Amino acid sequence: MAKEISGFIKLQVKGGAANPSPPIGPALGAKGVNIMDFCKQFNARTQDSPGKVLPVVITVFADKSFEFVIKKPPVAVSIKDAIKLKSGSAEPNRAKVGALTVDQIKSIAEEKMPDMNCFTIQSAMHMIAGTARSMGVTVKGQLPEKV
């Protein structure tokens, strides 16, 4: 029989850097989860991507046990990594801070596809291009038509 779920916790944690300090400690402590057990498991599973921001969804069960799913880095973080930005533009409609090629958009879309709510790579590319535009990053090249 399946365990009874008592709640979900969504966090963004740097890979290999989970520790009991805020925001992780208070979020897990409020649900009664063993904080050090989560930190050890998370750090072990993310040691191959140190320093990358990774969203994690923790399912907490009624008996205080848990399991978690680690997702791919957010699109904004991937865009900043692809063109070596520190942050997006403060005025994205006026001040442009970089440019992203269609090939870079496609590689980000292929990486992020399992976590996105679209069915084709073309739709994912359009979503990523929209995120880039809202960050003040121009898109060089022609995106494929949506199917």
N, C-alpha and C. Protein backbone atom coordinates (compact mmCIF):
# COMPACT_ATOMS: atom_id res chain seq x y z
N MET A 1 0.83 -1.18 0.00
CA MET A 1 0.00 0.00 0.00
C MET A 1 0.88 1.25 0.00
N ALA A 2 0.45 2.30 -0.68
CA ALA A 2 1.22 3.53 -0.79
C ALA A 2 1.21 4.30 0.53
N LYS A 3 2.31 5.01 0.76
CA LYS A 3 2.39 5.83 1.96
C LYS A 3 1.51 7.07 1.81
N GLU A 4 1.04 7.59 2.92
CA GLU A 4 0.23 8.80 2.90
C GLU A 4 1.14 10.01 2.82
N ILE A 5 0.87 10.88 1.85
CA ILE A 5 1.68 12.09 1.65
C ILE A 5 1.17 13.19 2.56
N SER A 6 2.10 13.80 3.31
CA SER A 6 1.70 14.90 4.18
C SER A 6 2.01 16.26 3.58
N GLY A 7 2.86 16.32 2.54
CA GLY A 7 3.14 17.61 1.92
C GLY A 7 4.29 17.56 0.93
N PHE A 8 4.43 18.68 0.21
CA PHE A 8 5.51 18.84 -0.75
C PHE A 8 6.31 20.08 -0.38
N ILE A 9 7.60 20.04 -0.64
CA ILE A 9 8.47 21.19 -0.42
C ILE A 9 9.23 21.42 -1.72
N LYS A 10 9.20 22.65 -2.23
CA LYS A 10 9.95 22.99 -3.43
C LYS A 10 11.05 23.96 -3.05
N LEU A 11 12.28 23.60 -3.40
CA LEU A 11 13.44 24.44 -3.09
C LEU A 11 14.33 24.56 -4.32
N GLN A 12 15.19 25.57 -4.32
CA GLN A 12 16.25 25.67 -5.31
C GLN A 12 17.56 25.69 -4.54
N VAL A 13 18.38 24.66 -4.77
CA VAL A 13 19.61 24.48 -4.00
C VAL A 13 20.77 24.31 -4.97
N LYS A 14 21.92 24.85 -4.61
CA LYS A 14 23.11 24.66 -5.44
C LYS A 14 23.58 23.21 -5.29
N GLY A 15 23.96 22.63 -6.41
CA GLY A 15 24.38 21.24 -6.42
C GLY A 15 25.57 20.99 -5.51
N GLY A 16 25.50 19.97 -4.69
CA GLY A 16 26.58 19.61 -3.78
C GLY A 16 26.77 20.55 -2.62
N ALA A 17 25.86 21.50 -2.42
CA ALA A 17 26.04 22.51 -1.37
C ALA A 17 24.86 22.60 -0.42
N ALA A 18 24.12 21.51 -0.25
CA ALA A 18 23.00 21.54 0.69
C ALA A 18 23.53 21.48 2.11
N ASN A 19 23.04 22.39 2.96
CA ASN A 19 23.42 22.38 4.38
C ASN A 19 22.20 22.80 5.20
N PRO A 20 22.21 22.54 6.50
CA PRO A 20 21.01 22.79 7.31
C PRO A 20 20.68 24.26 7.57
N SER A 21 21.45 25.17 7.04
CA SER A 21 21.14 26.59 7.26
C SER A 21 19.95 27.00 6.39
N PRO A 22 19.37 28.20 6.66
CA PRO A 22 18.26 28.66 5.84
C PRO A 22 18.67 28.74 4.38
N PRO A 23 17.79 28.47 3.45
CA PRO A 23 16.36 28.20 3.56
C PRO A 23 16.02 26.72 3.75
N ILE A 24 16.99 25.84 3.65
CA ILE A 24 16.72 24.39 3.68
C ILE A 24 16.27 23.94 5.06
N GLY A 25 17.01 24.29 6.08
CA GLY A 25 16.72 23.84 7.44
C GLY A 25 15.32 24.17 7.91
N PRO A 26 14.91 25.45 7.88
CA PRO A 26 13.56 25.78 8.34
C PRO A 26 12.45 25.13 7.51
N ALA A 27 12.64 25.03 6.20
CA ALA A 27 11.61 24.43 5.35
C ALA A 27 11.42 22.96 5.69
N LEU A 28 12.51 22.23 5.86
CA LEU A 28 12.40 20.81 6.17
C LEU A 28 12.01 20.58 7.63
N GLY A 29 12.50 21.41 8.53
CA GLY A 29 12.19 21.26 9.94
C GLY A 29 10.72 21.47 10.24
N ALA A 30 10.08 22.36 9.49
CA ALA A 30 8.65 22.61 9.70
C ALA A 30 7.81 21.38 9.37
N LYS A 31 8.28 20.55 8.47
CA LYS A 31 7.56 19.32 8.10
C LYS A 31 8.04 18.11 8.89
N GLY A 32 9.07 18.29 9.74
CA GLY A 32 9.56 17.20 10.57
C GLY A 32 10.51 16.25 9.86
N VAL A 33 11.13 16.70 8.77
CA VAL A 33 12.05 15.85 8.00
C VAL A 33 13.45 15.92 8.63
N ASN A 34 14.16 14.80 8.59
CA ASN A 34 15.55 14.77 9.06
C ASN A 34 16.40 15.58 8.09
N ILE A 35 16.85 16.75 8.53
CA ILE A 35 17.54 17.70 7.67
C ILE A 35 18.88 17.17 7.20
N MET A 36 19.66 16.60 8.09
CA MET A 36 20.99 16.11 7.71
C MET A 36 20.89 14.93 6.75
N ASP A 37 19.88 14.10 6.91
CA ASP A 37 19.70 12.97 6.00
C ASP A 37 19.42 13.48 4.59
N PHE A 38 18.57 14.50 4.47
CA PHE A 38 18.30 15.08 3.15
C PHE A 38 19.57 15.68 2.56
N CYS A 39 20.30 16.46 3.37
CA CYS A 39 21.51 17.13 2.86
C CYS A 39 22.53 16.11 2.35
N LYS A 40 22.73 15.03 3.08
CA LYS A 40 23.69 14.00 2.65
C LYS A 40 23.25 13.35 1.35
N GLN A 41 21.98 12.99 1.25
CA GLN A 41 21.48 12.37 0.02
C GLN A 41 21.54 13.32 -1.17
N PHE A 42 21.13 14.57 -0.95
CA PHE A 42 21.14 15.55 -2.04
C PHE A 42 22.56 15.80 -2.53
N ASN A 43 23.49 16.00 -1.60
CA ASN A 43 24.88 16.27 -1.99
C ASN A 43 25.49 15.07 -2.71
N ALA A 44 25.13 13.86 -2.31
CA ALA A 44 25.66 12.68 -2.99
C ALA A 44 25.12 12.58 -4.42
N ARG A 45 23.85 12.91 -4.62
CA ARG A 45 23.25 12.79 -5.95
C ARG A 45 23.61 13.95 -6.87
N THR A 46 24.09 15.07 -6.32
CA THR A 46 24.42 16.23 -7.15
C THR A 46 25.90 16.56 -7.17
N GLN A 47 26.73 15.63 -6.79
CA GLN A 47 28.16 15.93 -6.77
C GLN A 47 28.74 16.13 -8.17
N ASP A 48 28.04 15.66 -9.22
CA ASP A 48 28.52 15.85 -10.58
C ASP A 48 28.20 17.24 -11.14
N SER A 49 27.36 18.02 -10.46
CA SER A 49 27.05 19.38 -10.92
C SER A 49 27.20 20.38 -9.77
N PRO A 50 28.43 20.57 -9.30
CA PRO A 50 28.63 21.49 -8.17
C PRO A 50 28.41 22.95 -8.57
N GLY A 51 27.72 23.68 -7.71
CA GLY A 51 27.50 25.10 -7.93
C GLY A 51 26.33 25.46 -8.82
N LYS A 52 25.75 24.50 -9.56
CA LYS A 52 24.59 24.80 -10.39
C LYS A 52 23.34 24.84 -9.52
N VAL A 53 22.48 25.80 -9.77
CA VAL A 53 21.22 25.90 -9.05
C VAL A 53 20.29 24.82 -9.59
N LEU A 54 19.80 23.96 -8.71
CA LEU A 54 18.93 22.85 -9.11
C LEU A 54 17.63 22.90 -8.32
N PRO A 55 16.50 22.95 -9.02
CA PRO A 55 15.22 22.86 -8.31
C PRO A 55 15.03 21.43 -7.80
N VAL A 56 14.48 21.31 -6.61
CA VAL A 56 14.22 19.99 -6.04
C VAL A 56 12.82 20.00 -5.44
N VAL A 57 12.06 18.92 -5.71
CA VAL A 57 10.72 18.77 -5.15
C VAL A 57 10.78 17.62 -4.17
N ILE A 58 10.53 17.92 -2.90
CA ILE A 58 10.61 16.92 -1.83
C ILE A 58 9.19 16.51 -1.45
N THR A 59 8.94 15.21 -1.50
CA THR A 59 7.65 14.66 -1.08
C THR A 59 7.82 14.15 0.34
N VAL A 60 7.05 14.70 1.27
CA VAL A 60 7.13 14.31 2.67
C VAL A 60 5.93 13.41 2.98
N PHE A 61 6.21 12.26 3.59
CA PHE A 61 5.16 11.32 3.93
C PHE A 61 4.75 11.48 5.39
N ALA A 62 3.62 10.89 5.75
CA ALA A 62 3.06 11.03 7.10
C ALA A 62 4.01 10.48 8.17
N ASP A 63 4.83 9.47 7.84
CA ASP A 63 5.75 8.91 8.83
C ASP A 63 7.08 9.67 8.87
N LYS A 64 7.13 10.89 8.33
CA LYS A 64 8.28 11.80 8.31
C LYS A 64 9.40 11.32 7.38
N SER A 65 9.16 10.27 6.60
CA SER A 65 10.13 9.88 5.60
C SER A 65 9.92 10.78 4.38
N PHE A 66 10.85 10.76 3.44
CA PHE A 66 10.75 11.64 2.29
C PHE A 66 11.43 11.01 1.08
N GLU A 67 11.09 11.54 -0.06
CA GLU A 67 11.82 11.25 -1.29
C GLU A 67 11.83 12.53 -2.10
N PHE A 68 12.81 12.67 -2.98
CA PHE A 68 12.90 13.92 -3.72
C PHE A 68 13.30 13.69 -5.16
N VAL A 69 12.89 14.64 -6.00
CA VAL A 69 13.19 14.62 -7.42
C VAL A 69 13.99 15.88 -7.73
N ILE A 70 15.14 15.69 -8.37
CA ILE A 70 15.99 16.81 -8.75
C ILE A 70 15.70 17.12 -10.21
N LYS A 71 15.41 18.38 -10.50
CA LYS A 71 15.09 18.80 -11.86
C LYS A 71 16.30 19.48 -12.49
N LYS A 72 16.19 19.82 -13.75
CA LYS A 72 17.26 20.51 -14.48
C LYS A 72 17.31 21.97 -14.02
N PRO A 73 18.47 22.63 -14.21
CA PRO A 73 18.57 24.04 -13.80
C PRO A 73 17.53 24.91 -14.50
N PRO A 74 17.09 26.01 -13.86
CA PRO A 74 16.12 26.91 -14.49
C PRO A 74 16.66 27.47 -15.81
N VAL A 75 15.76 27.83 -16.70
CA VAL A 75 16.14 28.32 -18.02
C VAL A 75 16.97 29.60 -17.90
N ALA A 76 16.59 30.49 -17.01
CA ALA A 76 17.32 31.74 -16.85
C ALA A 76 18.78 31.48 -16.46
N VAL A 77 19.00 30.51 -15.60
CA VAL A 77 20.37 30.17 -15.20
C VAL A 77 21.14 29.58 -16.38
N SER A 78 20.49 28.75 -17.16
CA SER A 78 21.13 28.16 -18.34
C SER A 78 21.49 29.22 -19.37
N ILE A 79 20.62 30.21 -19.54
CA ILE A 79 20.90 31.31 -20.48
C ILE A 79 22.09 32.12 -19.99
N LYS A 80 22.11 32.43 -18.69
CA LYS A 80 23.24 33.19 -18.15
C LYS A 80 24.54 32.42 -18.30
N ASP A 81 24.52 31.11 -18.11
CA ASP A 81 25.72 30.29 -18.29
C ASP A 81 26.15 30.26 -19.75
N ALA A 82 25.19 30.17 -20.67
CA ALA A 82 25.51 30.04 -22.09
C ALA A 82 26.22 31.27 -22.64
N ILE A 83 25.85 32.46 -22.16
CA ILE A 83 26.49 33.67 -22.69
C ILE A 83 27.31 34.41 -21.64
N LYS A 84 27.62 33.74 -20.55
CA LYS A 84 28.51 34.26 -19.51
C LYS A 84 28.05 35.60 -18.96
N LEU A 85 26.78 35.64 -18.51
CA LEU A 85 26.21 36.84 -17.90
C LEU A 85 26.22 36.72 -16.39
N LYS A 86 26.29 37.86 -15.72
CA LYS A 86 26.11 37.86 -14.27
C LYS A 86 24.64 37.94 -13.93
N SER A 87 23.91 38.82 -14.63
CA SER A 87 22.47 38.95 -14.41
C SER A 87 21.83 39.51 -15.67
N GLY A 88 20.51 39.42 -15.70
CA GLY A 88 19.76 39.96 -16.83
C GLY A 88 19.72 41.47 -16.79
N SER A 89 19.08 42.06 -17.79
CA SER A 89 18.99 43.51 -17.89
C SER A 89 17.96 44.06 -16.92
N ALA A 90 18.25 45.24 -16.38
CA ALA A 90 17.29 45.91 -15.51
C ALA A 90 16.13 46.47 -16.33
N GLU A 91 16.41 46.84 -17.58
CA GLU A 91 15.38 47.33 -18.50
C GLU A 91 15.47 46.51 -19.78
N PRO A 92 14.86 45.31 -19.80
CA PRO A 92 15.04 44.41 -20.94
C PRO A 92 14.52 44.95 -22.27
N ASN A 93 13.56 45.88 -22.23
CA ASN A 93 13.04 46.43 -23.48
C ASN A 93 13.97 47.50 -24.06
N ARG A 94 14.87 48.05 -23.27
CA ARG A 94 15.76 49.12 -23.74
C ARG A 94 17.22 48.68 -23.77
N ALA A 95 17.71 48.15 -22.67
CA ALA A 95 19.13 47.80 -22.56
C ALA A 95 19.32 46.30 -22.78
N LYS A 96 19.99 45.95 -23.87
CA LYS A 96 20.27 44.55 -24.16
C LYS A 96 21.63 44.19 -23.57
N VAL A 97 21.72 42.98 -22.98
CA VAL A 97 22.94 42.60 -22.29
C VAL A 97 23.72 41.48 -22.99
N GLY A 98 23.15 40.91 -24.05
CA GLY A 98 23.85 39.84 -24.75
C GLY A 98 23.01 39.29 -25.87
N ALA A 99 23.57 38.29 -26.54
CA ALA A 99 22.86 37.66 -27.65
C ALA A 99 22.99 36.15 -27.54
N LEU A 100 21.96 35.46 -27.96
CA LEU A 100 21.89 34.01 -27.90
C LEU A 100 21.57 33.51 -29.30
N THR A 101 22.30 32.49 -29.77
CA THR A 101 22.05 31.96 -31.10
C THR A 101 20.98 30.88 -31.02
N VAL A 102 20.42 30.54 -32.17
CA VAL A 102 19.38 29.51 -32.23
C VAL A 102 19.96 28.16 -31.80
N ASP A 103 21.23 27.90 -32.13
CA ASP A 103 21.86 26.64 -31.71
C ASP A 103 21.97 26.55 -30.19
N GLN A 104 22.30 27.66 -29.53
CA GLN A 104 22.37 27.67 -28.07
C GLN A 104 20.98 27.45 -27.47
N ILE A 105 19.98 28.07 -28.07
CA ILE A 105 18.60 27.89 -27.59
C ILE A 105 18.18 26.43 -27.73
N LYS A 106 18.55 25.81 -28.84
CA LYS A 106 18.18 24.41 -29.06
C LYS A 106 18.85 23.50 -28.04
N SER A 107 20.12 23.75 -27.73
CA SER A 107 20.80 22.90 -26.74
C SER A 107 20.19 23.06 -25.35
N ILE A 108 19.80 24.30 -24.99
CA ILE A 108 19.14 24.52 -23.70
C ILE A 108 17.78 23.82 -23.69
N ALA A 109 17.05 23.89 -24.80
CA ALA A 109 15.73 23.27 -24.90
C ALA A 109 15.83 21.76 -24.77
N GLU A 110 16.83 21.15 -25.40
CA GLU A 110 16.99 19.70 -25.32
C GLU A 110 17.31 19.26 -23.90
N GLU A 111 18.11 20.07 -23.19
CA GLU A 111 18.46 19.74 -21.81
C GLU A 111 17.25 19.88 -20.88
N LYS A 112 16.47 20.92 -21.07
CA LYS A 112 15.37 21.26 -20.16
C LYS A 112 14.04 20.58 -20.52
N MET A 113 13.97 19.96 -21.69
CA MET A 113 12.72 19.39 -22.21
C MET A 113 11.95 18.51 -21.22
N PRO A 114 12.57 17.61 -20.45
CA PRO A 114 11.79 16.76 -19.54
C PRO A 114 11.01 17.54 -18.48
N ASP A 115 11.48 18.74 -18.12
CA ASP A 115 10.82 19.51 -17.06
C ASP A 115 9.81 20.53 -17.62
N MET A 116 9.74 20.68 -18.93
CA MET A 116 8.86 21.69 -19.52
C MET A 116 7.50 21.10 -19.87
N ASN A 117 6.52 21.95 -19.98
CA ASN A 117 5.17 21.49 -20.30
C ASN A 117 4.85 21.73 -21.78
N CYS A 118 5.69 21.20 -22.64
CA CYS A 118 5.46 21.26 -24.08
C CYS A 118 5.85 19.92 -24.69
N PHE A 119 5.38 19.69 -25.90
CA PHE A 119 5.57 18.38 -26.52
C PHE A 119 6.63 18.35 -27.60
N THR A 120 6.94 19.49 -28.21
CA THR A 120 7.92 19.50 -29.29
C THR A 120 9.10 20.38 -28.92
N ILE A 121 10.23 20.10 -29.56
CA ILE A 121 11.43 20.88 -29.31
C ILE A 121 11.25 22.32 -29.81
N GLN A 122 10.44 22.50 -30.87
CA GLN A 122 10.19 23.85 -31.39
C GLN A 122 9.45 24.70 -30.36
N SER A 123 8.47 24.12 -29.70
CA SER A 123 7.73 24.85 -28.66
C SER A 123 8.65 25.20 -27.50
N ALA A 124 9.50 24.27 -27.13
CA ALA A 124 10.46 24.53 -26.04
C ALA A 124 11.41 25.66 -26.43
N MET A 125 11.84 25.66 -27.68
CA MET A 125 12.74 26.72 -28.14
C MET A 125 12.07 28.09 -28.08
N HIS A 126 10.79 28.16 -28.43
CA HIS A 126 10.05 29.43 -28.36
C HIS A 126 9.90 29.89 -26.91
N MET A 127 9.67 28.96 -26.00
CA MET A 127 9.55 29.32 -24.58
C MET A 127 10.88 29.87 -24.06
N ILE A 128 11.97 29.24 -24.44
CA ILE A 128 13.30 29.68 -23.98
C ILE A 128 13.66 31.02 -24.60
N ALA A 129 13.30 31.22 -25.87
CA ALA A 129 13.55 32.52 -26.51
C ALA A 129 12.77 33.63 -25.80
N GLY A 130 11.55 33.34 -25.37
CA GLY A 130 10.76 34.32 -24.63
C GLY A 130 11.40 34.67 -23.30
N THR A 131 11.93 33.68 -22.61
CA THR A 131 12.64 33.94 -21.35
C THR A 131 13.87 34.80 -21.62
N ALA A 132 14.59 34.49 -22.69
CA ALA A 132 15.79 35.28 -23.03
C ALA A 132 15.42 36.73 -23.31
N ARG A 133 14.34 36.94 -24.07
CA ARG A 133 13.92 38.31 -24.38
C ARG A 133 13.54 39.07 -23.12
N SER A 134 12.89 38.39 -22.18
CA SER A 134 12.49 39.07 -20.95
C SER A 134 13.69 39.36 -20.03
N MET A 135 14.83 38.74 -20.32
CA MET A 135 16.06 39.02 -19.57
C MET A 135 16.90 40.11 -20.24
N GLY A 136 16.47 40.57 -21.43
CA GLY A 136 17.24 41.56 -22.16
C GLY A 136 18.29 40.93 -23.05
N VAL A 137 18.09 39.69 -23.45
CA VAL A 137 19.02 38.98 -24.33
C VAL A 137 18.37 38.88 -25.71
N THR A 138 19.08 39.30 -26.75
CA THR A 138 18.54 39.21 -28.10
C THR A 138 18.76 37.80 -28.65
N VAL A 139 17.88 37.40 -29.57
CA VAL A 139 17.97 36.08 -30.20
C VAL A 139 18.46 36.28 -31.63
N LYS A 140 19.60 35.67 -31.95
CA LYS A 140 20.16 35.78 -33.30
C LYS A 140 19.73 34.57 -34.11
N GLY A 141 19.15 34.83 -35.27
CA GLY A 141 18.71 33.74 -36.12
C GLY A 141 17.21 33.60 -36.12
N GLN A 142 16.72 32.69 -36.96
CA GLN A 142 15.30 32.45 -37.10
C GLN A 142 14.91 31.17 -36.36
N LEU A 143 13.95 31.28 -35.46
CA LEU A 143 13.44 30.10 -34.75
C LEU A 143 12.58 29.28 -35.69
N PRO A 144 12.55 27.96 -35.53
CA PRO A 144 11.67 27.14 -36.36
C PRO A 144 10.21 27.41 -36.02
N GLU A 145 9.34 27.20 -37.02
CA GLU A 145 7.91 27.42 -36.78
C GLU A 145 7.36 26.38 -35.83
N LYS A 146 6.37 26.80 -35.03
CA LYS A 146 5.71 25.85 -34.13
C LYS A 146 4.89 24.88 -34.94
N VAL A 147 4.86 23.65 -34.46
CA VAL A 147 4.09 22.62 -35.15
C VAL A 147 2.76 22.41 -34.47
